Amino acid sequence: MNVMDLHVLGKMNKALPIEDIMAWLIAEYPDAELPQILSLLNALYQEEEYHIEPASVTKNIYNVGDREINAYPQRIEMKSE
């Protein structure tokens, strides 16, 4: 995990629970390129202390720079002890 990932995790932990993690990442890091957003998302999925689940059965359209992604919103929260 790199310094940016640690920064994002710290910032995100203060905002939990988050109903749409992709939308949150895009809003918090509007200048990030698609590979950076996907890398951050991957880092979150690798952390065992988070519970991530679909938040909707309807896909959203996410705009990242000049790219567009269709994906299901994912809710993220801390796992229960």
PDB file of N, CA and C in Angstrom:
ATOM      1  N   MET A   1       0.856  -1.171   0.000  1.00  0.00           N
ATOM      2  CA  MET A   1       0.000   0.000   0.000  1.00  0.00           C
ATOM      3  C   MET A   1       0.905   1.238   0.000  1.00  0.00           C
ATOM      4  N   ASN A   2       0.549   2.200  -0.829  1.00  0.00           N
ATOM      5  CA  ASN A   2       1.374   3.407  -0.936  1.00  0.00           C
ATOM      6  C   ASN A   2       0.797   4.541  -0.076  1.00  0.00           C
ATOM      7  N   VAL A   3       1.500   5.651  -0.059  1.00  0.00           N
ATOM      8  CA  VAL A   3       1.106   6.795   0.770  1.00  0.00           C
ATOM      9  C   VAL A   3      -0.267   7.322   0.374  1.00  0.00           C
ATOM     10  N   MET A   4      -0.547   7.392  -0.926  1.00  0.00           N
ATOM     11  CA  MET A   4      -1.852   7.876  -1.389  1.00  0.00           C
ATOM     12  C   MET A   4      -2.964   6.969  -0.878  1.00  0.00           C
ATOM     13  N   ASP A   5      -2.757   5.652  -0.965  1.00  0.00           N
ATOM     14  CA  ASP A   5      -3.764   4.715  -0.471  1.00  0.00           C
ATOM     15  C   ASP A   5      -4.031   4.947   1.017  1.00  0.00           C
ATOM     16  N   LEU A   6      -2.975   5.136   1.797  1.00  0.00           N
ATOM     17  CA  LEU A   6      -3.129   5.374   3.233  1.00  0.00           C
ATOM     18  C   LEU A   6      -3.876   6.673   3.498  1.00  0.00           C
ATOM     19  N   HIS A   7      -3.588   7.709   2.711  1.00  0.00           N
ATOM     20  CA  HIS A   7      -4.294   8.988   2.840  1.00  0.00           C
ATOM     21  C   HIS A   7      -5.788   8.799   2.566  1.00  0.00           C
ATOM     22  N   VAL A   8      -6.090   8.084   1.491  1.00  0.00           N
ATOM     23  CA  VAL A   8      -7.493   7.857   1.117  1.00  0.00           C
ATOM     24  C   VAL A   8      -8.209   7.056   2.203  1.00  0.00           C
ATOM     25  N   LEU A   9      -7.560   6.006   2.720  1.00  0.00           N
ATOM     26  CA  LEU A   9      -8.180   5.195   3.768  1.00  0.00           C
ATOM     27  C   LEU A   9      -8.484   6.036   5.003  1.00  0.00           C
ATOM     28  N   GLY A  10      -7.559   6.895   5.389  1.00  0.00           N
ATOM     29  CA  GLY A  10      -7.785   7.752   6.544  1.00  0.00           C
ATOM     30  C   GLY A  10      -8.949   8.702   6.332  1.00  0.00           C
ATOM     31  N   LYS A  11      -9.000   9.309   5.167  1.00  0.00           N
ATOM     32  CA  LYS A  11     -10.080  10.248   4.833  1.00  0.00           C
ATOM     33  C   LYS A  11     -11.421   9.518   4.740  1.00  0.00           C
ATOM     34  N   MET A  12     -11.401   8.340   4.126  1.00  0.00           N
ATOM     35  CA  MET A  12     -12.622   7.577   3.938  1.00  0.00           C
ATOM     36  C   MET A  12     -13.170   7.082   5.271  1.00  0.00           C
ATOM     37  N   ASN A  13     -12.286   6.646   6.163  1.00  0.00           N
ATOM     38  CA  ASN A  13     -12.740   6.134   7.463  1.00  0.00           C
ATOM     39  C   ASN A  13     -13.573   7.162   8.214  1.00  0.00           C
ATOM     40  N   LYS A  14     -13.237   8.438   8.060  1.00  0.00           N
ATOM     41  CA  LYS A  14     -13.988   9.497   8.726  1.00  0.00           C
ATOM     42  C   LYS A  14     -15.373   9.682   8.117  1.00  0.00           C
ATOM     43  N   ALA A  15     -15.563   9.245   6.872  1.00  0.00           N
ATOM     44  CA  ALA A  15     -16.828   9.441   6.155  1.00  0.00           C
ATOM     45  C   ALA A  15     -17.735   8.203   6.182  1.00  0.00           C
ATOM     46  N   LEU A  16     -17.249   7.097   6.711  1.00  0.00           N
ATOM     47  CA  LEU A  16     -18.026   5.848   6.689  1.00  0.00           C
ATOM     48  C   LEU A  16     -19.295   5.957   7.506  1.00  0.00           C
ATOM     49  N   PRO A  17     -20.361   5.271   7.121  1.00  0.00           N
ATOM     50  CA  PRO A  17     -20.492   4.467   5.904  1.00  0.00           C
ATOM     51  C   PRO A  17     -20.703   5.349   4.675  1.00  0.00           C
ATOM     52  N   ILE A  18     -20.296   4.831   3.536  1.00  0.00           N
ATOM     53  CA  ILE A  18     -20.436   5.537   2.266  1.00  0.00           C
ATOM     54  C   ILE A  18     -21.323   4.685   1.370  1.00  0.00           C
ATOM     55  N   GLU A  19     -22.375   5.297   0.837  1.00  0.00           N
ATOM     56  CA  GLU A  19     -23.351   4.550   0.034  1.00  0.00           C
ATOM     57  C   GLU A  19     -22.856   4.206  -1.370  1.00  0.00           C
ATOM     58  N   ASP A  20     -21.959   5.000  -1.921  1.00  0.00           N
ATOM     59  CA  ASP A  20     -21.467   4.761  -3.283  1.00  0.00           C
ATOM     60  C   ASP A  20     -19.981   5.130  -3.311  1.00  0.00           C
ATOM     61  N   ILE A  21     -19.139   4.124  -3.117  1.00  0.00           N
ATOM     62  CA  ILE A  21     -17.716   4.385  -2.969  1.00  0.00           C
ATOM     63  C   ILE A  21     -17.094   4.961  -4.242  1.00  0.00           C
ATOM     64  N   MET A  22     -17.544   4.547  -5.404  1.00  0.00           N
ATOM     65  CA  MET A  22     -16.996   5.095  -6.649  1.00  0.00           C
ATOM     66  C   MET A  22     -17.329   6.578  -6.758  1.00  0.00           C
ATOM     67  N   ALA A  23     -18.580   6.941  -6.488  1.00  0.00           N
ATOM     68  CA  ALA A  23     -18.977   8.357  -6.544  1.00  0.00           C
ATOM     69  C   ALA A  23     -18.190   9.163  -5.511  1.00  0.00           C
ATOM     70  N   TRP A  24     -17.958   8.594  -4.331  1.00  0.00           N
ATOM     71  CA  TRP A  24     -17.201   9.295  -3.291  1.00  0.00           C
ATOM     72  C   TRP A  24     -15.766   9.535  -3.740  1.00  0.00           C
ATOM     73  N   LEU A  25     -15.122   8.505  -4.293  1.00  0.00           N
ATOM     74  CA  LEU A  25     -13.741   8.657  -4.766  1.00  0.00           C
ATOM     75  C   LEU A  25     -13.638   9.728  -5.846  1.00  0.00           C
ATOM     76  N   ILE A  26     -14.571   9.723  -6.778  1.00  0.00           N
ATOM     77  CA  ILE A  26     -14.559  10.699  -7.868  1.00  0.00           C
ATOM     78  C   ILE A  26     -14.771  12.114  -7.319  1.00  0.00           C
ATOM     79  N   ALA A  27     -15.675  12.255  -6.365  1.00  0.00           N
ATOM     80  CA  ALA A  27     -15.946  13.580  -5.776  1.00  0.00           C
ATOM     81  C   ALA A  27     -14.762  14.080  -4.947  1.00  0.00           C
ATOM     82  N   GLU A  28     -14.133  13.191  -4.208  1.00  0.00           N
ATOM     83  CA  GLU A  28     -13.012  13.582  -3.342  1.00  0.00           C
ATOM     84  C   GLU A  28     -11.722  13.837  -4.120  1.00  0.00           C
ATOM     85  N   TYR A  29     -11.574  13.160  -5.248  1.00  0.00           N
ATOM     86  CA  TYR A  29     -10.347  13.272  -6.052  1.00  0.00           C
ATOM     87  C   TYR A  29     -10.709  13.568  -7.505  1.00  0.00           C
ATOM     88  N   PRO A  30     -11.288  14.749  -7.764  1.00  0.00           N
ATOM     89  CA  PRO A  30     -11.799  15.071  -9.103  1.00  0.00           C
ATOM     90  C   PRO A  30     -10.724  15.132 -10.183  1.00  0.00           C
ATOM     91  N   ASP A  31      -9.469  15.331  -9.821  1.00  0.00           N
ATOM     92  CA  ASP A  31      -8.395  15.396 -10.818  1.00  0.00           C
ATOM     93  C   ASP A  31      -7.741  14.049 -11.071  1.00  0.00           C
ATOM     94  N   ALA A  32      -8.186  13.015 -10.363  1.00  0.00           N
ATOM     95  CA  ALA A  32      -7.598  11.684 -10.533  1.00  0.00           C
ATOM     96  C   ALA A  32      -7.990  11.100 -11.890  1.00  0.00           C
ATOM     97  N   GLU A  33      -7.063  10.393 -12.477  1.00  0.00           N
ATOM     98  CA  GLU A  33      -7.310   9.680 -13.739  1.00  0.00           C
ATOM     99  C   GLU A  33      -7.980   8.343 -13.419  1.00  0.00           C
ATOM    100  N   LEU A  34      -8.597   7.730 -14.415  1.00  0.00           N
ATOM    101  CA  LEU A  34      -9.294   6.460 -14.232  1.00  0.00           C
ATOM    102  C   LEU A  34      -8.398   5.389 -13.601  1.00  0.00           C
ATOM    103  N   PRO A  35      -7.156   5.201 -14.077  1.00  0.00           N
ATOM    104  CA  PRO A  35      -6.316   4.176 -13.438  1.00  0.00           C
ATOM    105  C   PRO A  35      -6.090   4.443 -11.943  1.00  0.00           C
ATOM    106  N   GLN A  36      -5.999   5.711 -11.553  1.00  0.00           N
ATOM    107  CA  GLN A  36      -5.816   6.044 -10.137  1.00  0.00           C
ATOM    108  C   GLN A  36      -7.062   5.697  -9.331  1.00  0.00           C
ATOM    109  N   ILE A  37      -8.221   6.040  -9.840  1.00  0.00           N
ATOM    110  CA  ILE A  37      -9.483   5.729  -9.158  1.00  0.00           C
ATOM    111  C   ILE A  37      -9.639   4.226  -9.016  1.00  0.00           C
ATOM    112  N   LEU A  38      -9.363   3.480 -10.077  1.00  0.00           N
ATOM    113  CA  LEU A  38      -9.496   2.028 -10.015  1.00  0.00           C
ATOM    114  C   LEU A  38      -8.476   1.418  -9.062  1.00  0.00           C
ATOM    115  N   SER A  39      -7.286   1.990  -9.005  1.00  0.00           N
ATOM    116  CA  SER A  39      -6.269   1.513  -8.074  1.00  0.00           C
ATOM    117  C   SER A  39      -6.707   1.755  -6.628  1.00  0.00           C
ATOM    118  N   LEU A  40      -7.276   2.922  -6.360  1.00  0.00           N
ATOM    119  CA  LEU A  40      -7.782   3.216  -5.026  1.00  0.00           C
ATOM    120  C   LEU A  40      -8.923   2.271  -4.650  1.00  0.00           C
ATOM    121  N   LEU A  41      -9.813   2.032  -5.587  1.00  0.00           N
ATOM    122  CA  LEU A  41     -10.921   1.116  -5.350  1.00  0.00           C
ATOM    123  C   LEU A  41     -10.392  -0.284  -5.048  1.00  0.00           C
ATOM    124  N   ASN A  42      -9.411  -0.724  -5.785  1.00  0.00           N
ATOM    125  CA  ASN A  42      -8.805  -2.028  -5.558  1.00  0.00           C
ATOM    126  C   ASN A  42      -8.175  -2.101  -4.169  1.00  0.00           C
ATOM    127  N   ALA A  43      -7.504  -1.032  -3.749  1.00  0.00           N
ATOM    128  CA  ALA A  43      -6.886  -1.010  -2.420  1.00  0.00           C
ATOM    129  C   ALA A  43      -7.947  -1.181  -1.335  1.00  0.00           C
ATOM    130  N   LEU A  44      -9.110  -0.578  -1.521  1.00  0.00           N
ATOM    131  CA  LEU A  44     -10.186  -0.709  -0.542  1.00  0.00           C
ATOM    132  C   LEU A  44     -10.687  -2.142  -0.469  1.00  0.00           C
ATOM    133  N   TYR A  45     -10.807  -2.787  -1.621  1.00  0.00           N
ATOM    134  CA  TYR A  45     -11.276  -4.170  -1.658  1.00  0.00           C
ATOM    135  C   TYR A  45     -10.268  -5.124  -1.005  1.00  0.00           C
ATOM    136  N   GLN A  46      -9.006  -4.751  -0.956  1.00  0.00           N
ATOM    137  CA  GLN A  46      -7.975  -5.603  -0.363  1.00  0.00           C
ATOM    138  C   GLN A  46      -7.952  -5.522   1.164  1.00  0.00           C
ATOM    139  N   GLU A  47      -8.518  -4.469   1.721  1.00  0.00           N
ATOM    140  CA  GLU A  47      -8.502  -4.291   3.170  1.00  0.00           C
ATOM    141  C   GLU A  47      -9.589  -5.156   3.813  1.00  0.00           C
ATOM    142  N   GLU A  48      -9.210  -5.949   4.785  1.00  0.00           N
ATOM    143  CA  GLU A  48     -10.135  -6.904   5.401  1.00  0.00           C
ATOM    144  C   GLU A  48     -11.102  -6.290   6.412  1.00  0.00           C
ATOM    145  N   GLU A  49     -10.838  -5.058   6.868  1.00  0.00           N
ATOM    146  CA  GLU A  49     -11.710  -4.481   7.894  1.00  0.00           C
ATOM    147  C   GLU A  49     -12.973  -3.835   7.332  1.00  0.00           C
ATOM    148  N   TYR A  50     -13.107  -3.831   6.011  1.00  0.00           N
ATOM    149  CA  TYR A  50     -14.283  -3.214   5.394  1.00  0.00           C
ATOM    150  C   TYR A  50     -15.278  -4.255   4.898  1.00  0.00           C
ATOM    151  N   HIS A  51     -16.542  -3.889   5.016  1.00  0.00           N
ATOM    152  CA  HIS A  51     -17.618  -4.687   4.430  1.00  0.00           C
ATOM    153  C   HIS A  51     -18.120  -3.894   3.224  1.00  0.00           C
ATOM    154  N   ILE A  52     -18.057  -4.496   2.044  1.00  0.00           N
ATOM    155  CA  ILE A  52     -18.488  -3.834   0.811  1.00  0.00           C
ATOM    156  C   ILE A  52     -19.582  -4.692   0.191  1.00  0.00           C
ATOM    157  N   GLU A  53     -20.686  -4.043  -0.165  1.00  0.00           N
ATOM    158  CA  GLU A  53     -21.811  -4.765  -0.754  1.00  0.00           C
ATOM    159  C   GLU A  53     -22.510  -3.874  -1.769  1.00  0.00           C
ATOM    160  N   PRO A  54     -23.247  -4.490  -2.708  1.00  0.00           N
ATOM    161  CA  PRO A  54     -23.997  -3.687  -3.676  1.00  0.00           C
ATOM    162  C   PRO A  54     -25.000  -2.784  -2.955  1.00  0.00           C
ATOM    163  N   ALA A  55     -25.099  -1.547  -3.426  1.00  0.00           N
ATOM    164  CA  ALA A  55     -26.030  -0.588  -2.833  1.00  0.00           C
ATOM    165  C   ALA A  55     -27.289  -0.429  -3.673  1.00  0.00           C
ATOM    166  N   SER A  56     -27.257  -0.979  -4.887  1.00  0.00           N
ATOM    167  CA  SER A  56     -28.389  -0.823  -5.795  1.00  0.00           C
ATOM    168  C   SER A  56     -28.332  -1.917  -6.856  1.00  0.00           C
ATOM    169  N   VAL A  57     -29.475  -2.223  -7.430  1.00  0.00           N
ATOM    170  CA  VAL A  57     -29.520  -3.172  -8.543  1.00  0.00           C
ATOM    171  C   VAL A  57     -29.500  -2.441  -9.881  1.00  0.00           C
ATOM    172  N   THR A  58     -29.384  -1.117  -9.816  1.00  0.00           N
ATOM    173  CA  THR A  58     -29.334  -0.286 -11.012  1.00  0.00           C
ATOM    174  C   THR A  58     -27.923   0.263 -11.188  1.00  0.00           C
ATOM    175  N   LYS A  59     -27.393   0.129 -12.388  1.00  0.00           N
ATOM    176  CA  LYS A  59     -26.057   0.653 -12.666  1.00  0.00           C
ATOM    177  C   LYS A  59     -26.075   2.178 -12.719  1.00  0.00           C
ATOM    178  N   ASN A  60     -24.971   2.757 -12.300  1.00  0.00           N
ATOM    179  CA  ASN A  60     -24.755   4.200 -12.420  1.00  0.00           C
ATOM    180  C   ASN A  60     -23.741   4.448 -13.529  1.00  0.00           C
ATOM    181  N   ILE A  61     -23.765   5.643 -14.051  1.00  0.00           N
ATOM    182  CA  ILE A  61     -22.741   6.073 -15.009  1.00  0.00           C
ATOM    183  C   ILE A  61     -21.822   7.016 -14.254  1.00  0.00           C
ATOM    184  N   TYR A  62     -20.536   6.679 -14.235  1.00  0.00           N
ATOM    185  CA  TYR A  62     -19.531   7.489 -13.552  1.00  0.00           C
ATOM    186  C   TYR A  62     -18.618   8.106 -14.598  1.00  0.00           C
ATOM    187  N   ASN A  63     -18.416   9.407 -14.499  1.00  0.00           N
ATOM    188  CA  ASN A  63     -17.514  10.109 -15.407  1.00  0.00           C
ATOM    189  C   ASN A  63     -16.204  10.383 -14.679  1.00  0.00           C
ATOM    190  N   VAL A  64     -15.124   9.862 -15.246  1.00  0.00           N
ATOM    191  CA  VAL A  64     -13.788  10.054 -14.688  1.00  0.00           C
ATOM    192  C   VAL A  64     -12.936  10.640 -15.804  1.00  0.00           C
ATOM    193  N   GLY A  65     -12.660  11.939 -15.680  1.00  0.00           N
ATOM    194  CA  GLY A  65     -11.933  12.606 -16.760  1.00  0.00           C
ATOM    195  C   GLY A  65     -12.754  12.538 -18.031  1.00  0.00           C
ATOM    196  N   ASP A  66     -12.159  12.034 -19.092  1.00  0.00           N
ATOM    197  CA  ASP A  66     -12.874  11.891 -20.362  1.00  0.00           C
ATOM    198  C   ASP A  66     -13.423  10.483 -20.564  1.00  0.00           C
ATOM    199  N   ARG A  67     -13.419   9.687 -19.509  1.00  0.00           N
ATOM    200  CA  ARG A  67     -13.899   8.304 -19.577  1.00  0.00           C
ATOM    201  C   ARG A  67     -15.239   8.177 -18.867  1.00  0.00           C
ATOM    202  N   GLU A  68     -15.981   7.156 -19.254  1.00  0.00           N
ATOM    203  CA  GLU A  68     -17.276   6.876 -18.653  1.00  0.00           C
ATOM    204  C   GLU A  68     -17.312   5.402 -18.252  1.00  0.00           C
ATOM    205  N   ILE A  69     -17.768   5.138 -17.036  1.00  0.00           N
ATOM    206  CA  ILE A  69     -17.856   3.770 -16.522  1.00  0.00           C
ATOM    207  C   ILE A  69     -19.293   3.502 -16.110  1.00  0.00           C
ATOM    208  N   ASN A  70     -19.795   2.335 -16.459  1.00  0.00           N
ATOM    209  CA  ASN A  70     -21.095   1.869 -15.990  1.00  0.00           C
ATOM    210  C   ASN A  70     -20.836   0.801 -14.944  1.00  0.00           C
ATOM    211  N   ALA A  71     -21.349   1.003 -13.734  1.00  0.00           N
ATOM    212  CA  ALA A  71     -21.107   0.041 -12.659  1.00  0.00           C
ATOM    213  C   ALA A  71     -22.205   0.144 -11.610  1.00  0.00           C
ATOM    214  N   TYR A  72     -22.326  -0.917 -10.845  1.00  0.00           N
ATOM    215  CA  TYR A  72     -23.276  -0.908  -9.737  1.00  0.00           C
ATOM    216  C   TYR A  72     -22.659  -0.173  -8.550  1.00  0.00           C
ATOM    217  N   PRO A  73     -23.418   0.699  -7.901  1.00  0.00           N
ATOM    218  CA  PRO A  73     -22.910   1.379  -6.713  1.00  0.00           C
ATOM    219  C   PRO A  73     -22.588   0.359  -5.617  1.00  0.00           C
ATOM    220  N   GLN A  74     -21.497   0.594  -4.917  1.00  0.00           N
ATOM    221  CA  GLN A  74     -21.075  -0.276  -3.838  1.00  0.00           C
ATOM    222  C   GLN A  74     -21.048   0.516  -2.527  1.00  0.00           C
ATOM    223  N   ARG A  75     -21.672  -0.032  -1.506  1.00  0.00           N
ATOM    224  CA  ARG A  75     -21.687   0.580  -0.165  1.00  0.00           C
ATOM    225  C   ARG A  75     -20.511   0.019   0.620  1.00  0.00           C
ATOM    226  N   ILE A  76     -19.833   0.860   1.390  1.00  0.00           N
ATOM    227  CA  ILE A  76     -18.704   0.421   2.191  1.00  0.00           C
ATOM    228  C   ILE A  76     -18.873   0.911   3.627  1.00  0.00           C
ATOM    229  N   GLU A  77     -18.555   0.012   4.555  1.00  0.00           N
ATOM    230  CA  GLU A  77     -18.608   0.331   5.979  1.00  0.00           C
ATOM    231  C   GLU A  77     -17.595  -0.548   6.701  1.00  0.00           C
ATOM    232  N   MET A  78     -17.330  -0.231   7.957  1.00  0.00           N
ATOM    233  CA  MET A  78     -16.445  -1.060   8.761  1.00  0.00           C
ATOM    234  C   MET A  78     -17.175  -2.348   9.103  1.00  0.00           C
ATOM    235  N   LYS A  79     -16.434  -3.461   9.121  1.00  0.00           N
ATOM    236  CA  LYS A  79     -17.028  -4.725   9.536  1.00  0.00           C
ATOM    237  C   LYS A  79     -17.370  -4.660  11.015  1.00  0.00           C
ATOM    238  N   SER A  80     -18.416  -5.356  11.385  1.00  0.00           N
ATOM    239  CA  SER A  80     -18.794  -5.444  12.791  1.00  0.00           C
ATOM    240  C   SER A  80     -17.820  -6.352  13.518  1.00  0.00           C
ATOM    241  N   GLU A  81     -17.565  -6.030  14.741  1.00  0.00           N
ATOM    242  CA  GLU A  81     -16.655  -6.860  15.563  1.00  0.00           C
ATOM    243  C   GLU A  81     -17.317  -8.139  15.971  1.00  0.00           C
TER     244      GLU A  81
END
